[in-house]
């Protein structure tokens, strides 16, 4: 009985020490800790334990419940150190100001503006409505020097103009601020690649972004991107329809490598590159540096057709008859 009492007292003092007084070891360095928008406090506590910032998620939750702070944790990115006392950690996560707080966000290659908006909203940075206003056809960034120089038409939004990358955004940044940062990043990459040269010398920057965005959604490997870019450039040169499934999927919301005949024949949109020869009105995704480079520096080949299966494997053909045989052989 006495032993149990002593053990209980020691345990209680240990928990109080973790909450009020313990300090990190001198060699510990701070690390980024992200609280997602809408994440439950239980999930936050579990993540703190998984990241070795706290020793016990259950008692951290108990102490937070006792202090009445479980509903005050904010979404965002915070700098925390393993071994900090729980009171300091809670004070950081529930800080009344977001000034100086950054949120780390990775925008995947090939993402659409809509997907970006959903991701940024989940990070607690923007609302999807604000993002749509910041990047839509009436975007305040329409007057940006890069957008003007790219010769973007007025009837399309900023799809394809924001570079996919990993960013650190201030939690106080507006949707327009975030879009501007991503737009400037695309402008820098385009400048570094040198847009008006090689096979794309006769294309506007908007046209290069458009074709690169299609290449991005059609294939993944940089080597195959260069082959496919050459195929598309040849089709444009001879007036042949691009016949890119990805442009139809952009309108229908599909994601299958091969679209249905119904979608191909019944989707009446300028983005249906089976019905309408030439490039669609604008990009369909955020092109990566590899996709941009593929359009600017394609690998010249004799092919005019290609197809990909659901594993991402690609098969080329010089003639339509050969292409049909590949479909019969490699597609379900």
Protein backbone atom coordinates (compact mmCIF):
# COMPACT_ATOMS: atom_id res chain seq x y z
CA UNK A 1 0.00 0.00 0.00
CA UNK A 2 2.77 2.38 0.99
CA UNK A 3 4.74 1.42 -2.11
CA UNK A 4 1.74 2.09 -4.36
CA UNK A 5 1.26 5.48 -2.74
CA UNK A 6 4.90 6.37 -3.25
CA UNK A 7 4.76 5.25 -6.88
CA UNK A 8 1.63 7.32 -7.43
CA UNK A 9 3.23 10.42 -5.90
CA UNK A 10 6.37 10.00 -8.03
CA UNK A 11 4.28 9.50 -11.16
CA UNK A 12 2.17 12.57 -10.41
CA UNK A 13 5.23 14.73 -9.75
CA UNK A 14 6.75 13.49 -13.00
CA UNK A 15 3.66 14.54 -14.95
CA UNK A 16 3.61 17.94 -13.21
CA UNK A 17 7.26 18.39 -14.09
CA UNK A 18 6.53 17.59 -17.74
CA UNK A 19 3.73 20.11 -17.76
CA UNK A 20 5.26 23.03 -15.85
CA UNK A 21 9.00 22.85 -15.50
CA UNK A 22 10.98 20.48 -17.72
CA UNK A 23 13.32 22.00 -20.31
CA UNK A 24 14.72 20.47 -23.50
CA UNK A 25 18.20 19.05 -23.43
CA UNK A 26 20.85 21.48 -24.61
CA UNK A 27 21.56 19.48 -27.77
CA UNK A 28 17.91 19.42 -28.92
CA UNK A 29 17.03 21.65 -31.88
CA UNK A 30 13.60 22.99 -32.80
CA UNK A 31 11.58 21.36 -35.58
CA UNK A 32 8.60 22.25 -37.72
CA UNK A 33 5.28 20.96 -36.45
CA UNK A 34 2.17 21.42 -38.60
CA UNK A 35 -1.40 21.48 -37.32
CA UNK A 36 -3.80 20.90 -40.19
CA UNK A 37 -7.02 22.87 -40.49
CA UNK A 38 -9.78 20.96 -38.70
CA UNK A 39 -7.38 18.48 -37.06
CA UNK A 40 -8.69 17.17 -33.74
CA UNK A 41 -6.78 17.78 -30.52
CA UNK A 42 -6.46 14.03 -30.04
CA UNK A 43 -4.77 13.77 -33.44
CA UNK A 44 -2.49 16.70 -32.59
CA UNK A 45 -1.43 15.02 -29.34
CA UNK A 46 -0.79 11.73 -31.15
CA UNK A 47 1.30 13.53 -33.76
CA UNK A 48 3.34 15.27 -31.04
CA UNK A 49 4.08 11.86 -29.54
CA UNK A 50 4.92 10.32 -32.93
CA UNK A 51 7.34 13.21 -33.56
CA UNK A 52 8.93 12.57 -30.13
CA UNK A 53 8.15 16.11 -28.99
CA UNK A 54 6.16 14.83 -25.99
CA UNK A 55 6.51 11.62 -24.00
CA UNK A 56 2.85 10.74 -23.49
CA UNK A 57 -0.10 11.80 -25.63
CA UNK A 58 -2.73 10.76 -23.09
CA UNK A 59 -1.36 12.84 -20.22
CA UNK A 60 -0.71 15.75 -22.54
CA UNK A 61 -4.42 15.66 -23.43
CA UNK A 62 -5.40 15.35 -19.76
CA UNK A 63 -3.33 18.39 -18.80
CA UNK A 64 -4.68 20.36 -21.76
CA UNK A 65 -8.26 19.44 -20.82
CA UNK A 66 -7.59 20.52 -17.25
CA UNK A 67 -6.26 23.90 -18.46
CA UNK A 68 -9.18 24.32 -20.88
CA UNK A 69 -6.99 24.77 -23.98
CA UNK A 70 -7.99 21.86 -26.19
CA UNK A 71 -10.24 24.04 -28.38
CA UNK A 72 -7.70 26.85 -28.74
CA UNK A 73 -5.06 25.12 -30.85
CA UNK A 74 -4.56 26.95 -34.15
CA UNK A 75 -3.87 25.57 -37.60
CA UNK A 76 -0.43 26.41 -38.89
CA UNK A 77 3.25 25.56 -38.70
CA UNK A 78 5.06 25.95 -35.40
CA UNK A 79 8.63 25.57 -34.15
CA UNK A 80 8.71 23.09 -31.26
CA UNK A 81 11.52 21.31 -29.44
CA UNK A 82 11.60 17.77 -28.11
CA UNK A 83 11.37 17.82 -24.32
CA UNK A 84 9.74 21.24 -23.95
CA UNK A 85 7.30 21.40 -21.06
CA UNK A 86 3.69 20.90 -22.05
CA UNK A 87 2.65 24.36 -20.87
CA UNK A 88 5.11 25.99 -23.31
CA UNK A 89 4.01 23.71 -26.14
CA UNK A 90 0.35 24.53 -25.55
CA UNK A 91 1.17 28.25 -25.36
CA UNK A 92 2.86 28.00 -28.75
CA UNK A 93 0.03 26.03 -30.37
CA UNK A 94 -2.64 28.37 -28.98
CA UNK A 95 -0.81 31.65 -29.56
CA UNK A 96 -3.20 34.54 -30.09
CA UNK A 97 -1.23 35.84 -33.06
CA UNK A 98 -0.15 34.18 -36.28
CA UNK A 99 2.51 36.77 -37.00
CA UNK A 100 5.75 35.07 -37.95
CA UNK A 101 4.10 31.66 -38.21
CA UNK A 102 4.78 29.88 -41.49
CA UNK A 103 2.98 26.94 -43.03
CA UNK A 104 4.95 24.50 -45.19
CA UNK A 105 3.00 23.39 -48.25
CA UNK A 106 4.01 21.12 -51.11
CA UNK A 107 2.07 21.73 -54.33
CA UNK A 108 2.39 18.54 -56.42
CA UNK A 109 3.28 18.71 -60.09
CA UNK A 110 0.23 18.47 -62.33
CA UNK A 111 -2.16 19.96 -59.76
CA UNK A 112 -5.01 22.13 -61.01
CA UNK A 113 -5.97 25.47 -59.46
CA UNK A 114 -8.94 23.76 -57.84
CA UNK A 115 -6.74 21.12 -56.24
CA UNK A 116 -4.34 23.81 -55.04
CA UNK A 117 -7.20 25.73 -53.47
CA UNK A 118 -8.44 22.64 -51.64
CA UNK A 119 -4.94 21.88 -50.34
CA UNK A 120 -4.30 25.46 -49.19
CA UNK A 121 -7.72 25.58 -47.53
CA UNK A 122 -6.96 22.36 -45.64
CA UNK A 123 -3.75 23.97 -44.40
CA UNK A 124 -5.79 26.85 -42.99
CA UNK A 125 -4.22 29.40 -45.35
CA UNK A 126 -7.11 30.45 -47.61
CA UNK A 127 -10.74 29.79 -48.30
CA UNK A 128 -11.51 28.14 -51.61
CA UNK A 129 -13.65 31.13 -52.55
CA UNK A 130 -10.78 33.58 -51.91
CA UNK A 131 -8.45 31.35 -53.91
CA UNK A 132 -10.88 31.26 -56.83
CA UNK A 133 -11.05 35.07 -56.81
CA UNK A 134 -7.27 35.42 -56.61
CA UNK A 135 -6.61 33.06 -59.52
CA UNK A 136 -9.73 33.39 -61.69
CA UNK A 137 -10.28 35.24 -64.96
CA UNK A 138 -10.70 38.50 -63.03
CA UNK A 139 -7.63 37.89 -60.88
CA UNK A 140 -5.89 41.02 -59.58
CA UNK A 141 -2.72 39.41 -60.95
CA UNK A 142 -3.90 39.85 -64.56
CA UNK A 143 -1.66 42.90 -64.76
CA UNK A 144 1.46 41.02 -63.67
CA UNK A 145 4.35 41.55 -66.09
CA UNK A 146 4.86 37.82 -66.63
CA UNK A 147 1.17 37.23 -67.37
CA UNK A 148 1.12 40.07 -69.87
CA UNK A 149 4.34 38.94 -71.56
CA UNK A 150 2.99 35.37 -71.76
CA UNK A 151 0.05 36.66 -73.86
CA UNK A 152 -2.53 34.92 -71.72
CA UNK A 153 -6.01 35.35 -73.23
CA UNK A 154 -8.60 37.17 -71.16
CA UNK A 155 -11.03 34.25 -71.21
CA UNK A 156 -8.88 31.86 -69.15
CA UNK A 157 -7.75 31.93 -65.52
CA UNK A 158 -4.26 31.44 -64.08
CA UNK A 159 -4.34 27.68 -64.57
CA UNK A 160 -0.80 26.53 -65.37
CA UNK A 161 0.81 29.82 -64.31
CA UNK A 162 1.60 28.85 -60.70
CA UNK A 163 4.70 26.72 -60.22
CA UNK A 164 4.37 23.43 -58.31
CA UNK A 165 6.93 23.45 -55.50
CA UNK A 166 7.39 23.31 -51.73
CA UNK A 167 6.68 26.66 -50.11
CA UNK A 168 6.74 28.30 -46.68
CA UNK A 169 3.73 30.63 -46.59
CA UNK A 170 3.03 33.04 -43.75
CA UNK A 171 -0.22 32.14 -42.03
CA UNK A 172 -1.20 35.80 -42.46
CA UNK A 173 -0.65 35.69 -46.25
CA UNK A 174 -3.70 36.36 -48.39
CA UNK A 175 -4.77 34.18 -51.31
CA UNK A 176 -3.43 36.85 -53.64
CA UNK A 177 -0.09 36.93 -51.80
CA UNK A 178 0.28 33.16 -52.16
CA UNK A 179 -0.69 33.17 -55.84
CA UNK A 180 1.82 35.97 -56.49
CA UNK A 181 4.65 33.99 -54.89
CA UNK A 182 3.83 30.94 -57.01
CA UNK A 183 3.44 33.05 -60.14
CA UNK A 184 6.83 34.69 -59.56
CA UNK A 185 8.35 31.23 -59.13
CA UNK A 186 6.94 30.12 -62.50
CA UNK A 187 8.27 33.29 -64.13
CA UNK A 188 11.72 32.54 -62.73
CA UNK A 189 11.72 28.96 -63.99
CA UNK A 190 10.51 29.99 -67.43
CA UNK A 191 13.23 32.64 -67.59
CA UNK A 192 15.89 30.14 -66.55
CA UNK A 193 14.80 27.66 -69.24
CA UNK A 194 14.66 30.28 -71.98
CA UNK A 195 11.25 30.10 -73.55
CA UNK A 196 11.69 31.45 -77.09
CA UNK A 197 14.15 28.98 -78.55
CA UNK A 198 14.41 25.57 -80.16
CA UNK A 199 11.23 23.83 -81.24
CA UNK A 200 9.11 26.26 -79.22
CA UNK A 201 10.62 29.38 -80.77
CA UNK A 202 7.40 30.22 -82.59
CA UNK A 203 5.18 29.69 -79.54
CA UNK A 204 4.06 32.22 -76.98
CA UNK A 205 4.80 31.53 -73.33
CA UNK A 206 1.09 30.84 -72.83
CA UNK A 207 1.21 28.20 -75.56
CA UNK A 208 4.33 26.63 -74.03
CA UNK A 209 2.66 26.49 -70.60
CA UNK A 210 -0.43 24.97 -72.20
CA UNK A 211 1.42 22.21 -74.03
CA UNK A 212 3.69 21.54 -71.03
CA UNK A 213 0.63 21.15 -68.81
CA UNK A 214 -0.76 18.51 -71.17
CA UNK A 215 2.55 16.66 -71.27
CA UNK A 216 2.59 16.78 -67.46
CA UNK A 217 -0.76 15.01 -67.23
CA UNK A 218 -0.06 12.50 -70.00
CA UNK A 219 3.23 10.97 -68.79
CA UNK A 220 5.51 11.15 -65.76
CA UNK A 221 9.12 10.24 -66.61
CA UNK A 222 11.24 13.07 -68.01
CA UNK A 223 12.51 10.91 -70.88
CA UNK A 224 9.01 9.97 -72.01
CA UNK A 225 7.91 13.59 -71.59
CA UNK A 226 10.47 14.60 -74.22
CA UNK A 227 9.22 11.93 -76.63
CA UNK A 228 5.57 12.84 -76.12
CA UNK A 229 6.31 16.56 -76.44
CA UNK A 230 7.86 15.87 -79.86
CA UNK A 231 4.78 13.87 -80.90
CA UNK A 232 2.46 16.71 -79.90
CA UNK A 233 4.64 19.32 -81.63
CA UNK A 234 4.56 17.25 -84.84
CA UNK A 235 0.77 16.98 -84.63
CA UNK A 236 0.47 20.74 -84.20
CA UNK A 237 2.80 21.30 -87.12
CA UNK A 238 0.77 19.14 -89.54
CA UNK A 239 -2.64 20.30 -88.28
CA UNK A 240 -3.51 17.00 -86.66
CA UNK A 241 -5.66 16.99 -83.49
CA UNK A 242 -3.62 16.50 -80.32
CA UNK A 243 -6.03 13.76 -79.16
CA UNK A 244 -4.91 14.12 -75.54
CA UNK A 245 -7.11 12.24 -73.06
CA UNK A 246 -5.92 14.55 -70.29
CA UNK A 247 -7.64 17.57 -71.83
CA UNK A 248 -10.98 15.74 -71.89
CA UNK A 249 -10.46 14.60 -68.31
CA UNK A 250 -9.86 18.24 -67.38
CA UNK A 251 -13.43 19.04 -68.40
CA UNK A 252 -15.14 15.87 -67.18
CA UNK A 253 -13.15 15.52 -63.95
CA UNK A 254 -12.04 12.02 -64.91
CA UNK A 255 -8.59 10.60 -64.28
CA UNK A 256 -8.46 7.36 -66.29
CA UNK A 257 -5.45 7.05 -68.63
CA UNK A 258 -7.87 6.20 -71.46
CA UNK A 259 -11.12 8.12 -71.70
CA UNK A 260 -14.42 6.56 -72.72
CA UNK A 261 -15.73 6.88 -76.26
CA UNK A 262 -18.74 8.69 -74.83
CA UNK A 263 -16.56 11.35 -73.20
CA UNK A 264 -14.46 11.65 -76.33
CA UNK A 265 -17.39 12.07 -78.71
CA UNK A 266 -19.90 13.93 -76.52
CA UNK A 267 -17.76 16.42 -74.62
CA UNK A 268 -18.29 19.61 -76.60
CA UNK A 269 -15.52 21.87 -75.32
CA UNK A 270 -12.52 23.59 -76.83
CA UNK A 271 -10.53 21.53 -74.33
CA UNK A 272 -11.62 18.37 -76.16
CA UNK A 273 -8.52 17.96 -78.31
CA UNK A 274 -10.14 15.09 -80.20
CA UNK A 275 -12.83 17.40 -81.59
CA UNK A 276 -10.81 20.60 -81.97
CA UNK A 277 -7.33 20.65 -83.55
CA UNK A 278 -4.62 22.83 -82.06
CA UNK A 279 -4.00 23.73 -78.46
CA UNK A 280 -6.88 24.17 -76.00
CA UNK A 281 -7.55 27.73 -74.71
CA UNK A 282 -5.16 27.34 -71.80
CA UNK A 283 -3.21 24.99 -69.54
CA UNK A 284 -4.92 22.12 -67.74
CA UNK A 285 -2.50 21.77 -64.81
CA UNK A 286 0.66 23.14 -63.21
CA UNK A 287 3.56 21.99 -65.39
CA UNK A 288 6.80 20.92 -63.76
CA UNK A 289 10.25 22.01 -64.86
CA UNK A 290 10.65 18.63 -66.60
CA UNK A 291 7.47 19.18 -68.62
CA UNK A 292 8.50 22.71 -69.59
CA UNK A 293 11.94 21.47 -70.60
CA UNK A 294 10.37 18.66 -72.63
CA UNK A 295 8.42 21.14 -74.74
CA UNK A 296 11.47 23.35 -75.21
CA UNK A 297 13.90 20.50 -75.81
CA UNK A 298 11.96 17.51 -77.15
CA UNK A 299 13.57 14.27 -78.18
CA UNK A 300 13.03 13.98 -81.91
CA UNK A 301 11.56 10.65 -82.97
CA UNK A 302 9.60 9.02 -85.78
CA UNK A 303 6.45 8.41 -83.75
CA UNK A 304 3.09 10.06 -84.27
CA UNK A 305 1.08 8.04 -81.73
CA UNK A 306 1.46 6.83 -78.16
CA UNK A 307 -0.64 5.29 -75.44
CA UNK A 308 -0.20 4.63 -71.73
CA UNK A 309 -1.73 1.84 -69.65
CA UNK A 310 -2.97 2.06 -66.07
CA UNK A 311 0.55 1.26 -64.82
CA UNK A 312 1.98 4.29 -66.62
CA UNK A 313 3.79 2.18 -69.22
CA UNK A 314 4.01 3.87 -72.61
CA UNK A 315 3.85 2.39 -76.11
CA UNK A 316 4.73 4.30 -79.28
CA UNK A 317 3.65 3.85 -82.88
CA UNK A 318 4.60 5.42 -86.20
CA UNK A 319 1.31 4.61 -87.94
CA UNK A 320 -2.34 4.55 -86.89
CA UNK A 321 -2.57 0.84 -87.72
CA UNK A 322 0.32 0.11 -85.37
CA UNK A 323 -1.32 2.31 -82.73
CA UNK A 324 -4.57 0.28 -83.00
CA UNK A 325 -2.59 -2.95 -82.56
CA UNK A 326 -0.96 -1.50 -79.43
CA UNK A 327 -4.39 -0.68 -78.02
CA UNK A 328 -5.59 -4.22 -78.63
CA UNK A 329 -2.45 -5.68 -77.12
CA UNK A 330 -1.77 -3.45 -74.11
CA UNK A 331 -5.08 -1.98 -73.00
CA UNK A 332 -7.80 -3.96 -71.21
